[in-house]
Every structure is written in structure tokens, then in C-alpha cells.
PDB file of all heavy atoms in Angstrom:
ATOM      1  N   THR A   1     -20.774 -53.996  10.463  1.00  0.00           N
ATOM      2  CA  THR A   1     -20.880 -55.403   9.948  1.00  0.00           C
ATOM      3  C   THR A   1     -20.278 -56.347  10.958  1.00  0.00           C
ATOM      4  O   THR A   1     -19.099 -56.243  11.217  1.00  0.00           O
ATOM      5  CB  THR A   1     -20.227 -55.542   8.595  1.00  0.00           C
ATOM      6  OG1 THR A   1     -20.809 -54.567   7.667  1.00  0.00           O
ATOM      7  CG2 THR A   1     -20.433 -56.970   8.006  1.00  0.00           C
ATOM      8  N   LYS A   2     -21.112 -57.251  11.458  1.00  0.00           N
ATOM      9  CA  LYS A   2     -20.702 -58.168  12.524  1.00  0.00           C
ATOM     10  C   LYS A   2     -19.531 -59.042  12.109  1.00  0.00           C
ATOM     11  O   LYS A   2     -19.474 -59.571  10.970  1.00  0.00           O
ATOM     12  CB  LYS A   2     -21.881 -59.060  12.892  1.00  0.00           C
ATOM     13  CG  LYS A   2     -21.571 -60.019  14.094  1.00  0.00           C
ATOM     14  CD  LYS A   2     -22.811 -60.793  14.415  1.00  0.00           C
ATOM     15  CE  LYS A   2     -22.498 -61.753  15.609  1.00  0.00           C
ATOM     16  NZ  LYS A   2     -23.723 -62.588  15.972  1.00  0.00           N
ATOM     17  N   GLY A   3     -18.523 -59.145  12.975  1.00  0.00           N
ATOM     18  CA  GLY A   3     -17.415 -60.064  12.750  1.00  0.00           C
ATOM     19  C   GLY A   3     -16.351 -59.627  11.787  1.00  0.00           C
ATOM     20  O   GLY A   3     -15.514 -60.427  11.382  1.00  0.00           O
ATOM     21  N   VAL A   4     -16.428 -58.323  11.367  1.00  0.00           N
ATOM     22  CA  VAL A   4     -15.410 -57.852  10.386  1.00  0.00           C
ATOM     23  C   VAL A   4     -14.496 -56.766  11.001  1.00  0.00           C
ATOM     24  O   VAL A   4     -13.370 -57.092  11.377  1.00  0.00           O
ATOM     25  CB  VAL A   4     -16.101 -57.319   9.151  1.00  0.00           C
ATOM     26  CG1 VAL A   4     -15.032 -56.817   8.129  1.00  0.00           C
ATOM     27  CG2 VAL A   4     -16.975 -58.415   8.511  1.00  0.00           C
ATOM     28  N   GLY A   5     -14.969 -55.567  11.139  1.00  0.00           N
ATOM     29  CA  GLY A   5     -14.104 -54.501  11.672  1.00  0.00           C
ATOM     30  C   GLY A   5     -13.562 -54.809  13.029  1.00  0.00           C
ATOM     31  O   GLY A   5     -12.446 -54.541  13.369  1.00  0.00           O
ATOM     32  N   GLN A   6     -14.452 -55.463  13.869  1.00  0.00           N
ATOM     33  CA  GLN A   6     -13.994 -55.809  15.248  1.00  0.00           C
ATOM     34  C   GLN A   6     -12.859 -56.778  15.247  1.00  0.00           C
ATOM     35  O   GLN A   6     -11.854 -56.661  15.914  1.00  0.00           O
ATOM     36  CB  GLN A   6     -15.156 -56.356  15.980  1.00  0.00           C
ATOM     37  CG  GLN A   6     -14.903 -56.641  17.459  1.00  0.00           C
ATOM     38  CD  GLN A   6     -16.116 -57.187  18.200  1.00  0.00           C
ATOM     39  OE1 GLN A   6     -17.122 -57.529  17.557  1.00  0.00           O
ATOM     40  NE2 GLN A   6     -16.077 -57.242  19.494  1.00  0.00           N
ATOM     41  N   ASN A   7     -12.976 -57.845  14.366  1.00  0.00           N
ATOM     42  CA  ASN A   7     -11.912 -58.827  14.259  1.00  0.00           C
ATOM     43  C   ASN A   7     -10.635 -58.307  13.673  1.00  0.00           C
ATOM     44  O   ASN A   7      -9.532 -58.603  14.168  1.00  0.00           O
ATOM     45  CB  ASN A   7     -12.410 -60.008  13.385  1.00  0.00           C
ATOM     46  CG  ASN A   7     -13.568 -60.768  13.950  1.00  0.00           C
ATOM     47  OD1 ASN A   7     -14.552 -60.127  14.334  1.00  0.00           O
ATOM     48  ND2 ASN A   7     -13.438 -62.075  14.124  1.00  0.00           N
ATOM     49  N   ILE A   8     -10.727 -57.395  12.714  1.00  0.00           N
ATOM     50  CA  ILE A   8      -9.543 -56.787  12.104  1.00  0.00           C
ATOM     51  C   ILE A   8      -8.835 -55.872  13.094  1.00  0.00           C
ATOM     52  O   ILE A   8      -7.628 -55.847  13.232  1.00  0.00           O
ATOM     53  CB  ILE A   8      -9.931 -56.067  10.794  1.00  0.00           C
ATOM     54  CG1 ILE A   8     -10.266 -57.066   9.712  1.00  0.00           C
ATOM     55  CG2 ILE A   8      -8.798 -55.182  10.320  1.00  0.00           C
ATOM     56  CD1 ILE A   8     -10.806 -56.482   8.448  1.00  0.00           C
ATOM     57  N   LEU A   9      -9.636 -55.086  13.831  1.00  0.00           N
ATOM     58  CA  LEU A   9      -9.030 -54.238  14.865  1.00  0.00           C
ATOM     59  C   LEU A   9      -8.336 -55.084  15.981  1.00  0.00           C
ATOM     60  O   LEU A   9      -7.231 -54.711  16.415  1.00  0.00           O
ATOM     61  CB  LEU A   9     -10.073 -53.363  15.512  1.00  0.00           C
ATOM     62  CG  LEU A   9      -9.567 -52.395  16.618  1.00  0.00           C
ATOM     63  CD1 LEU A   9      -8.531 -51.453  16.039  1.00  0.00           C
ATOM     64  CD2 LEU A   9     -10.710 -51.605  17.226  1.00  0.00           C
ATOM     65  N   ALA A  10      -8.947 -56.164  16.367  1.00  0.00           N
ATOM     66  CA  ALA A  10      -8.305 -57.061  17.346  1.00  0.00           C
ATOM     67  C   ALA A  10      -6.968 -57.553  16.857  1.00  0.00           C
ATOM     68  O   ALA A  10      -5.960 -57.650  17.602  1.00  0.00           O
ATOM     69  CB  ALA A  10      -9.236 -58.232  17.695  1.00  0.00           C
ATOM     70  N   ALA A  11      -6.901 -57.900  15.580  1.00  0.00           N
ATOM     71  CA  ALA A  11      -5.635 -58.375  14.958  1.00  0.00           C
ATOM     72  C   ALA A  11      -4.639 -57.237  14.900  1.00  0.00           C
ATOM     73  O   ALA A  11      -3.427 -57.429  15.209  1.00  0.00           O
ATOM     74  CB  ALA A  11      -5.888 -58.913  13.575  1.00  0.00           C
ATOM     75  N   ALA A  12      -5.068 -56.046  14.586  1.00  0.00           N
ATOM     76  CA  ALA A  12      -4.159 -54.903  14.443  1.00  0.00           C
ATOM     77  C   ALA A  12      -3.603 -54.505  15.784  1.00  0.00           C
ATOM     78  O   ALA A  12      -2.383 -54.220  15.896  1.00  0.00           O
ATOM     79  CB  ALA A  12      -4.936 -53.685  13.818  1.00  0.00           C
ATOM     80  N   MET A  13      -4.438 -54.486  16.823  1.00  0.00           N
ATOM     81  CA  MET A  13      -4.013 -54.090  18.182  1.00  0.00           C
ATOM     82  C   MET A  13      -3.398 -55.228  19.014  1.00  0.00           C
ATOM     83  O   MET A  13      -2.793 -54.992  20.044  1.00  0.00           O
ATOM     84  CB  MET A  13      -5.192 -53.451  18.910  1.00  0.00           C
ATOM     85  CG  MET A  13      -5.839 -52.274  18.295  1.00  0.00           C
ATOM     86  SD  MET A  13      -4.833 -50.812  18.279  1.00  0.00           S
ATOM     87  CE  MET A  13      -4.267 -50.778  16.555  1.00  0.00           C
ATOM     88  N   ASN A  14      -3.656 -56.480  18.547  1.00  0.00           N
ATOM     89  CA  ASN A  14      -3.327 -57.653  19.306  1.00  0.00           C
ATOM     90  C   ASN A  14      -3.841 -57.526  20.767  1.00  0.00           C
ATOM     91  O   ASN A  14      -3.114 -57.749  21.704  1.00  0.00           O
ATOM     92  CB  ASN A  14      -1.789 -57.902  19.284  1.00  0.00           C
ATOM     93  CG  ASN A  14      -1.437 -59.280  19.828  1.00  0.00           C
ATOM     94  OD1 ASN A  14      -2.299 -60.175  19.849  1.00  0.00           O
ATOM     95  ND2 ASN A  14      -0.175 -59.469  20.193  1.00  0.00           N
ATOM     96  N   ALA A  15      -5.104 -57.138  20.830  1.00  0.00           N
ATOM     97  CA  ALA A  15      -5.749 -56.966  22.137  1.00  0.00           C
ATOM     98  C   ALA A  15      -7.258 -57.265  21.961  1.00  0.00           C
ATOM     99  O   ALA A  15      -7.828 -57.163  20.844  1.00  0.00           O
ATOM    100  CB  ALA A  15      -5.604 -55.525  22.610  1.00  0.00           C
ATOM    101  N   PRO A  16      -7.904 -57.671  23.066  1.00  0.00           N
ATOM    102  CA  PRO A  16      -9.366 -57.855  22.972  1.00  0.00           C
ATOM    103  C   PRO A  16     -10.092 -56.575  22.577  1.00  0.00           C
ATOM    104  O   PRO A  16      -9.742 -55.495  23.067  1.00  0.00           O
ATOM    105  CB  PRO A  16      -9.733 -58.272  24.432  1.00  0.00           C
ATOM    106  CG  PRO A  16      -8.505 -58.718  25.047  1.00  0.00           C
ATOM    107  CD  PRO A  16      -7.405 -57.908  24.409  1.00  0.00           C
ATOM    108  N   VAL A  17     -11.115 -56.732  21.772  1.00  0.00           N
ATOM    109  CA  VAL A  17     -11.917 -55.558  21.347  1.00  0.00           C
ATOM    110  C   VAL A  17     -13.374 -55.862  21.641  1.00  0.00           C
ATOM    111  O   VAL A  17     -13.898 -56.945  21.313  1.00  0.00           O
ATOM    112  CB  VAL A  17     -11.756 -55.287  19.780  1.00  0.00           C
ATOM    113  CG1 VAL A  17     -12.692 -54.228  19.326  1.00  0.00           C
ATOM    114  CG2 VAL A  17     -10.292 -54.901  19.473  1.00  0.00           C
ATOM    115  N   ALA A  18     -13.986 -54.876  22.362  1.00  0.00           N
ATOM    116  CA  ALA A  18     -15.364 -55.034  22.768  1.00  0.00           C
ATOM    117  C   ALA A  18     -16.249 -54.061  21.957  1.00  0.00           C
ATOM    118  O   ALA A  18     -15.884 -52.915  21.718  1.00  0.00           O
ATOM    119  CB  ALA A  18     -15.505 -54.755  24.251  1.00  0.00           C
ATOM    120  N   LEU A  19     -17.474 -54.466  21.667  1.00  0.00           N
ATOM    121  CA  LEU A  19     -18.469 -53.609  21.075  1.00  0.00           C
ATOM    122  C   LEU A  19     -19.654 -53.611  21.972  1.00  0.00           C
ATOM    123  O   LEU A  19     -20.095 -54.678  22.414  1.00  0.00           O
ATOM    124  CB  LEU A  19     -18.890 -54.099  19.696  1.00  0.00           C
ATOM    125  CG  LEU A  19     -17.907 -54.031  18.504  1.00  0.00           C
ATOM    126  CD1 LEU A  19     -18.587 -54.425  17.260  1.00  0.00           C
ATOM    127  CD2 LEU A  19     -17.329 -52.646  18.405  1.00  0.00           C
ATOM    128  N   MET A  20     -20.193 -52.427  22.240  1.00  0.00           N
ATOM    129  CA  MET A  20     -21.418 -52.321  23.039  1.00  0.00           C
ATOM    130  C   MET A  20     -22.633 -52.068  22.185  1.00  0.00           C
ATOM    131  O   MET A  20     -22.425 -51.644  21.007  1.00  0.00           O
ATOM    132  CB  MET A  20     -21.274 -51.168  24.052  1.00  0.00           C
ATOM    133  CG  MET A  20     -20.201 -51.400  25.128  1.00  0.00           C
ATOM    134  SD  MET A  20     -20.085 -50.010  26.296  1.00  0.00           S
ATOM    135  CE  MET A  20     -19.065 -50.762  27.557  1.00  0.00           C
ATOM    136  N   SER A  21     -23.795 -52.275  22.680  1.00  0.00           N
ATOM    137  CA  SER A  21     -25.002 -52.066  21.914  1.00  0.00           C
ATOM    138  C   SER A  21     -25.193 -50.638  21.497  1.00  0.00           C
ATOM    139  O   SER A  21     -25.856 -50.329  20.529  1.00  0.00           O
ATOM    140  CB  SER A  21     -26.249 -52.572  22.702  1.00  0.00           C
ATOM    141  OG  SER A  21     -26.379 -51.862  23.835  1.00  0.00           O
ATOM    142  N   THR A  22     -24.574 -49.704  22.254  1.00  0.00           N
ATOM    143  CA  THR A  22     -24.689 -48.273  21.981  1.00  0.00           C
ATOM    144  C   THR A  22     -23.668 -47.851  20.952  1.00  0.00           C
ATOM    145  O   THR A  22     -23.664 -46.667  20.603  1.00  0.00           O
ATOM    146  CB  THR A  22     -24.452 -47.473  23.243  1.00  0.00           C
ATOM    147  OG1 THR A  22     -23.201 -47.847  23.867  1.00  0.00           O
ATOM    148  CG2 THR A  22     -25.637 -47.693  24.214  1.00  0.00           C
ATOM    149  N   ALA A  23     -22.782 -48.705  20.480  1.00  0.00           N
ATOM    150  CA  ALA A  23     -21.707 -48.297  19.650  1.00  0.00           C
ATOM    151  C   ALA A  23     -22.169 -47.652  18.306  1.00  0.00           C
ATOM    152  O   ALA A  23     -21.552 -46.761  17.795  1.00  0.00           O
ATOM    153  CB  ALA A  23     -20.785 -49.527  19.276  1.00  0.00           C
ATOM    154  N   GLY A  24     -23.312 -48.120  17.856  1.00  0.00           N
ATOM    155  CA  GLY A  24     -23.864 -47.568  16.624  1.00  0.00           C
ATOM    156  C   GLY A  24     -24.267 -46.085  16.756  1.00  0.00           C
ATOM    157  O   GLY A  24     -24.214 -45.354  15.788  1.00  0.00           O
ATOM    158  N   GLU A  25     -24.763 -45.714  17.934  1.00  0.00           N
ATOM    159  CA  GLU A  25     -25.104 -44.282  18.159  1.00  0.00           C
ATOM    160  C   GLU A  25     -23.875 -43.445  18.341  1.00  0.00           C
ATOM    161  O   GLU A  25     -23.896 -42.269  17.967  1.00  0.00           O
ATOM    162  CB  GLU A  25     -26.049 -44.213  19.381  1.00  0.00           C
ATOM    163  CG  GLU A  25     -27.350 -44.975  19.272  1.00  0.00           C
ATOM    164  CD  GLU A  25     -28.228 -44.515  18.142  1.00  0.00           C
ATOM    165  OE1 GLU A  25     -27.989 -43.452  17.547  1.00  0.00           O
ATOM    166  OE2 GLU A  25     -29.174 -45.254  17.800  1.00  0.00           O
ATOM    167  N   GLY A  26     -22.834 -43.957  18.940  1.00  0.00           N
ATOM    168  CA  GLY A  26     -21.550 -43.275  18.995  1.00  0.00           C
ATOM    169  C   GLY A  26     -21.574 -41.958  19.680  1.00  0.00           C
ATOM    170  O   GLY A  26     -22.226 -41.736  20.703  1.00  0.00           O
ATOM    171  N   GLY A  27     -20.827 -40.973  19.106  1.00  0.00           N
ATOM    172  CA  GLY A  27     -20.585 -39.668  19.725  1.00  0.00           C
ATOM    173  C   GLY A  27     -21.811 -38.885  20.119  1.00  0.00           C
ATOM    174  O   GLY A  27     -21.850 -38.293  21.237  1.00  0.00           O
ATOM    175  N   PRO A  28     -22.848 -38.759  19.278  1.00  0.00           N
ATOM    176  CA  PRO A  28     -23.988 -37.981  19.678  1.00  0.00           C
ATOM    177  C   PRO A  28     -24.675 -38.501  20.947  1.00  0.00           C
ATOM    178  O   PRO A  28     -25.098 -37.746  21.806  1.00  0.00           O
ATOM    179  CB  PRO A  28     -24.954 -38.138  18.448  1.00  0.00           C
ATOM    180  CG  PRO A  28     -24.083 -38.485  17.333  1.00  0.00           C
ATOM    181  CD  PRO A  28     -22.975 -39.311  17.903  1.00  0.00           C
ATOM    182  N   TRP A  29     -24.708 -39.842  21.074  1.00  0.00           N
ATOM    183  CA  TRP A  29     -25.261 -40.434  22.300  1.00  0.00           C
ATOM    184  C   TRP A  29     -24.345 -40.163  23.471  1.00  0.00           C
ATOM    185  O   TRP A  29     -24.814 -39.848  24.535  1.00  0.00           O
ATOM    186  CB  TRP A  29     -25.440 -41.940  22.108  1.00  0.00           C
ATOM    187  CG  TRP A  29     -26.005 -42.608  23.306  1.00  0.00           C
ATOM    188  CD1 TRP A  29     -27.313 -42.617  23.771  1.00  0.00           C
ATOM    189  CD2 TRP A  29     -25.294 -43.417  24.250  1.00  0.00           C
ATOM    190  NE1 TRP A  29     -27.413 -43.335  24.846  1.00  0.00           N
ATOM    191  CE2 TRP A  29     -26.187 -43.841  25.241  1.00  0.00           C
ATOM    192  CE3 TRP A  29     -23.923 -43.788  24.399  1.00  0.00           C
ATOM    193  CZ2 TRP A  29     -25.806 -44.616  26.339  1.00  0.00           C
ATOM    194  CZ3 TRP A  29     -23.575 -44.530  25.430  1.00  0.00           C
ATOM    195  CH2 TRP A  29     -24.474 -44.986  26.406  1.00  0.00           C
ATOM    196  N   GLY A  30     -23.053 -40.237  23.213  1.00  0.00           N
ATOM    197  CA  GLY A  30     -22.072 -39.941  24.278  1.00  0.00           C
ATOM    198  C   GLY A  30     -22.213 -38.462  24.752  1.00  0.00           C
ATOM    199  O   GLY A  30     -22.147 -38.177  25.961  1.00  0.00           O
ATOM    200  N   MET A  31     -22.487 -37.545  23.795  1.00  0.00           N
ATOM    201  CA  MET A  31     -22.702 -36.147  24.202  1.00  0.00           C
ATOM    202  C   MET A  31     -23.983 -35.969  24.988  1.00  0.00           C
ATOM    203  O   MET A  31     -23.997 -35.226  25.969  1.00  0.00           O
ATOM    204  CB  MET A  31     -22.740 -35.261  22.949  1.00  0.00           C
ATOM    205  CG  MET A  31     -22.749 -33.778  23.280  1.00  0.00           C
ATOM    206  SD  MET A  31     -21.274 -33.195  24.039  1.00  0.00           S
ATOM    207  CE  MET A  31     -21.841 -32.658  25.664  1.00  0.00           C
ATOM    208  N   ALA A  32     -25.038 -36.701  24.606  1.00  0.00           N
ATOM    209  CA  ALA A  32     -26.269 -36.684  25.374  1.00  0.00           C
ATOM    210  C   ALA A  32     -26.058 -37.197  26.787  1.00  0.00           C
ATOM    211  O   ALA A  32     -26.578 -36.637  27.775  1.00  0.00           O
ATOM    212  CB  ALA A  32     -27.353 -37.485  24.663  1.00  0.00           C
ATOM    213  N   VAL A  33     -25.262 -38.231  26.959  1.00  0.00           N
ATOM    214  CA  VAL A  33     -24.925 -38.751  28.272  1.00  0.00           C
ATOM    215  C   VAL A  33     -24.179 -37.731  29.086  1.00  0.00           C
ATOM    216  O   VAL A  33     -24.487 -37.560  30.321  1.00  0.00           O
ATOM    217  CB  VAL A  33     -24.117 -40.071  28.146  1.00  0.00           C
ATOM    218  CG1 VAL A  33     -23.599 -40.511  29.521  1.00  0.00           C
ATOM    219  CG2 VAL A  33     -25.064 -41.201  27.585  1.00  0.00           C
ATOM    220  N   LEU A  34     -23.203 -37.076  28.511  1.00  0.00           N
ATOM    221  CA  LEU A  34     -22.474 -35.990  29.179  1.00  0.00           C
ATOM    222  C   LEU A  34     -23.430 -34.885  29.697  1.00  0.00           C
ATOM    223  O   LEU A  34     -23.277 -34.347  30.771  1.00  0.00           O
ATOM    224  CB  LEU A  34     -21.362 -35.432  28.364  1.00  0.00           C
ATOM    225  CG  LEU A  34     -20.163 -36.361  28.126  1.00  0.00           C
ATOM    226  CD1 LEU A  34     -19.217 -35.768  27.089  1.00  0.00           C
ATOM    227  CD2 LEU A  34     -19.425 -36.556  29.436  1.00  0.00           C
ATOM    228  N   ALA A  35     -24.438 -34.550  28.842  1.00  0.00           N
ATOM    229  CA  ALA A  35     -25.369 -33.502  29.171  1.00  0.00           C
ATOM    230  C   ALA A  35     -26.273 -34.012  30.344  1.00  0.00           C
ATOM    231  O   ALA A  35     -26.616 -33.224  31.232  1.00  0.00           O
ATOM    232  CB  ALA A  35     -26.179 -33.137  27.977  1.00  0.00           C
ATOM    233  N   ALA A  36     -26.616 -35.302  30.311  1.00  0.00           N
ATOM    234  CA  ALA A  36     -27.428 -35.845  31.379  1.00  0.00           C
ATOM    235  C   ALA A  36     -26.662 -35.841  32.680  1.00  0.00           C
ATOM    236  O   ALA A  36     -27.195 -35.568  33.785  1.00  0.00           O
ATOM    237  CB  ALA A  36     -27.866 -37.273  31.011  1.00  0.00           C
ATOM    238  N   TYR A  37     -25.378 -36.186  32.631  1.00  0.00           N
ATOM    239  CA  TYR A  37     -24.481 -36.155  33.786  1.00  0.00           C
ATOM    240  C   TYR A  37     -24.446 -34.780  34.406  1.00  0.00           C
ATOM    241  O   TYR A  37     -24.559 -34.634  35.680  1.00  0.00           O
ATOM    242  CB  TYR A  37     -23.098 -36.615  33.370  1.00  0.00           C
ATOM    243  CG  TYR A  37     -22.020 -36.490  34.459  1.00  0.00           C
ATOM    244  CD1 TYR A  37     -22.191 -37.187  35.654  1.00  0.00           C
ATOM    245  CD2 TYR A  37     -20.896 -35.740  34.291  1.00  0.00           C
ATOM    246  CE1 TYR A  37     -21.198 -37.129  36.654  1.00  0.00           C
ATOM    247  CE2 TYR A  37     -19.910 -35.657  35.251  1.00  0.00           C
ATOM    248  CZ  TYR A  37     -20.058 -36.319  36.422  1.00  0.00           C
ATOM    249  OH  TYR A  37     -19.139 -36.255  37.393  1.00  0.00           O
ATOM    250  N   MET A  38     -24.392 -33.751  33.572  1.00  0.00           N
ATOM    251  CA  MET A  38     -24.424 -32.347  34.068  1.00  0.00           C
ATOM    252  C   MET A  38     -25.787 -32.116  34.749  1.00  0.00           C
ATOM    253  O   MET A  38     -25.830 -31.520  35.869  1.00  0.00           O
ATOM    254  CB  MET A  38     -24.191 -31.384  32.929  1.00  0.00           C
ATOM    255  CG  MET A  38     -24.382 -29.935  33.312  1.00  0.00           C
ATOM    256  SD  MET A  38     -24.881 -28.950  31.876  1.00  0.00           S
ATOM    257  CE  MET A  38     -26.472 -29.625  31.456  1.00  0.00           C
ATOM    258  N   ALA A  39     -26.816 -32.496  34.106  1.00  0.00           N
ATOM    259  CA  ALA A  39     -28.173 -32.158  34.614  1.00  0.00           C
ATOM    260  C   ALA A  39     -28.457 -32.881  35.957  1.00  0.00           C
ATOM    261  O   ALA A  39     -29.192 -32.330  36.779  1.00  0.00           O
ATOM    262  CB  ALA A  39     -29.235 -32.550  33.584  1.00  0.00           C
ATOM    263  N   GLU A  40     -27.894 -34.084  36.105  1.00  0.00           N
ATOM    264  CA  GLU A  40     -28.150 -34.868  37.287  1.00  0.00           C
ATOM    265  C   GLU A  40     -27.009 -34.814  38.281  1.00  0.00           C
ATOM    266  O   GLU A  40     -26.988 -35.549  39.293  1.00  0.00           O
ATOM    267  CB  GLU A  40     -28.333 -36.341  36.909  1.00  0.00           C
ATOM    268  CG  GLU A  40     -29.486 -36.630  35.930  1.00  0.00           C
ATOM    269  CD  GLU A  40     -29.485 -38.060  35.538  1.00  0.00           C
ATOM    270  OE1 GLU A  40     -29.199 -38.984  36.386  1.00  0.00           O
ATOM    271  OE2 GLU A  40     -29.827 -38.318  34.367  1.00  0.00           O
ATOM    272  N   LYS A  41     -26.039 -33.955  38.088  1.00  0.00           N
ATOM    273  CA  LYS A  41     -24.778 -33.990  38.826  1.00  0.00           C
ATOM    274  C   LYS A  41     -24.931 -34.105  40.315  1.00  0.00           C
ATOM    275  O   LYS A  41     -25.632 -33.346  40.937  1.00  0.00           O
ATOM    276  CB  LYS A  41     -23.948 -32.709  38.502  1.00  0.00           C
ATOM    277  CG  LYS A  41     -22.554 -32.671  39.157  1.00  0.00           C
ATOM    278  CD  LYS A  41     -21.626 -33.681  38.438  1.00  0.00           C
ATOM    279  CE  LYS A  41     -20.167 -33.424  38.790  1.00  0.00           C
ATOM    280  NZ  LYS A  41     -19.837 -33.808  40.159  1.00  0.00           N
ATOM    281  N   GLN A  42     -24.244 -35.128  40.819  1.00  0.00           N
ATOM    282  CA  GLN A  42     -24.224 -35.382  42.293  1.00  0.00           C
ATOM    283  C   GLN A  42     -22.758 -35.152  42.676  1.00  0.00           C
ATOM    284  O   GLN A  42     -21.801 -35.696  42.080  1.00  0.00           O
ATOM    285  CB  GLN A  42     -24.664 -36.794  42.649  1.00  0.00           C
ATOM    286  CG  GLN A  42     -26.065 -37.078  42.238  1.00  0.00           C
ATOM    287  CD  GLN A  42     -26.435 -38.556  42.416  1.00  0.00           C
ATOM    288  OE1 GLN A  42     -25.661 -39.335  42.995  1.00  0.00           O
ATOM    289  NE2 GLN A  42     -27.539 -38.963  41.884  1.00  0.00           N
TER     290      GLN A  42
END
């Protein structure tokens, strides 16, 4: 929910909080990226 959890976390941490467009996909997308990194490893 826009403007809620992010604002509350910023207050709790007293630090800037960023959200990316991929935040909704979260961990499964992160795991897919790690697998792609392995497949394309340079």
C-alpha cells in the first residue's frame, strides 16, 4: 500500500527507505536473478 509501510519504516529506522518496482516480486524474483547470474557468469 503506497505511502504506508514505507513511511512507517522510515520513521522506525530514521533513515531513507527506497522501494523498487521489483519489490512486489521479492525473493522468488531475486532467486531467479541469482540463477541467471550463474547461467551468464563472467
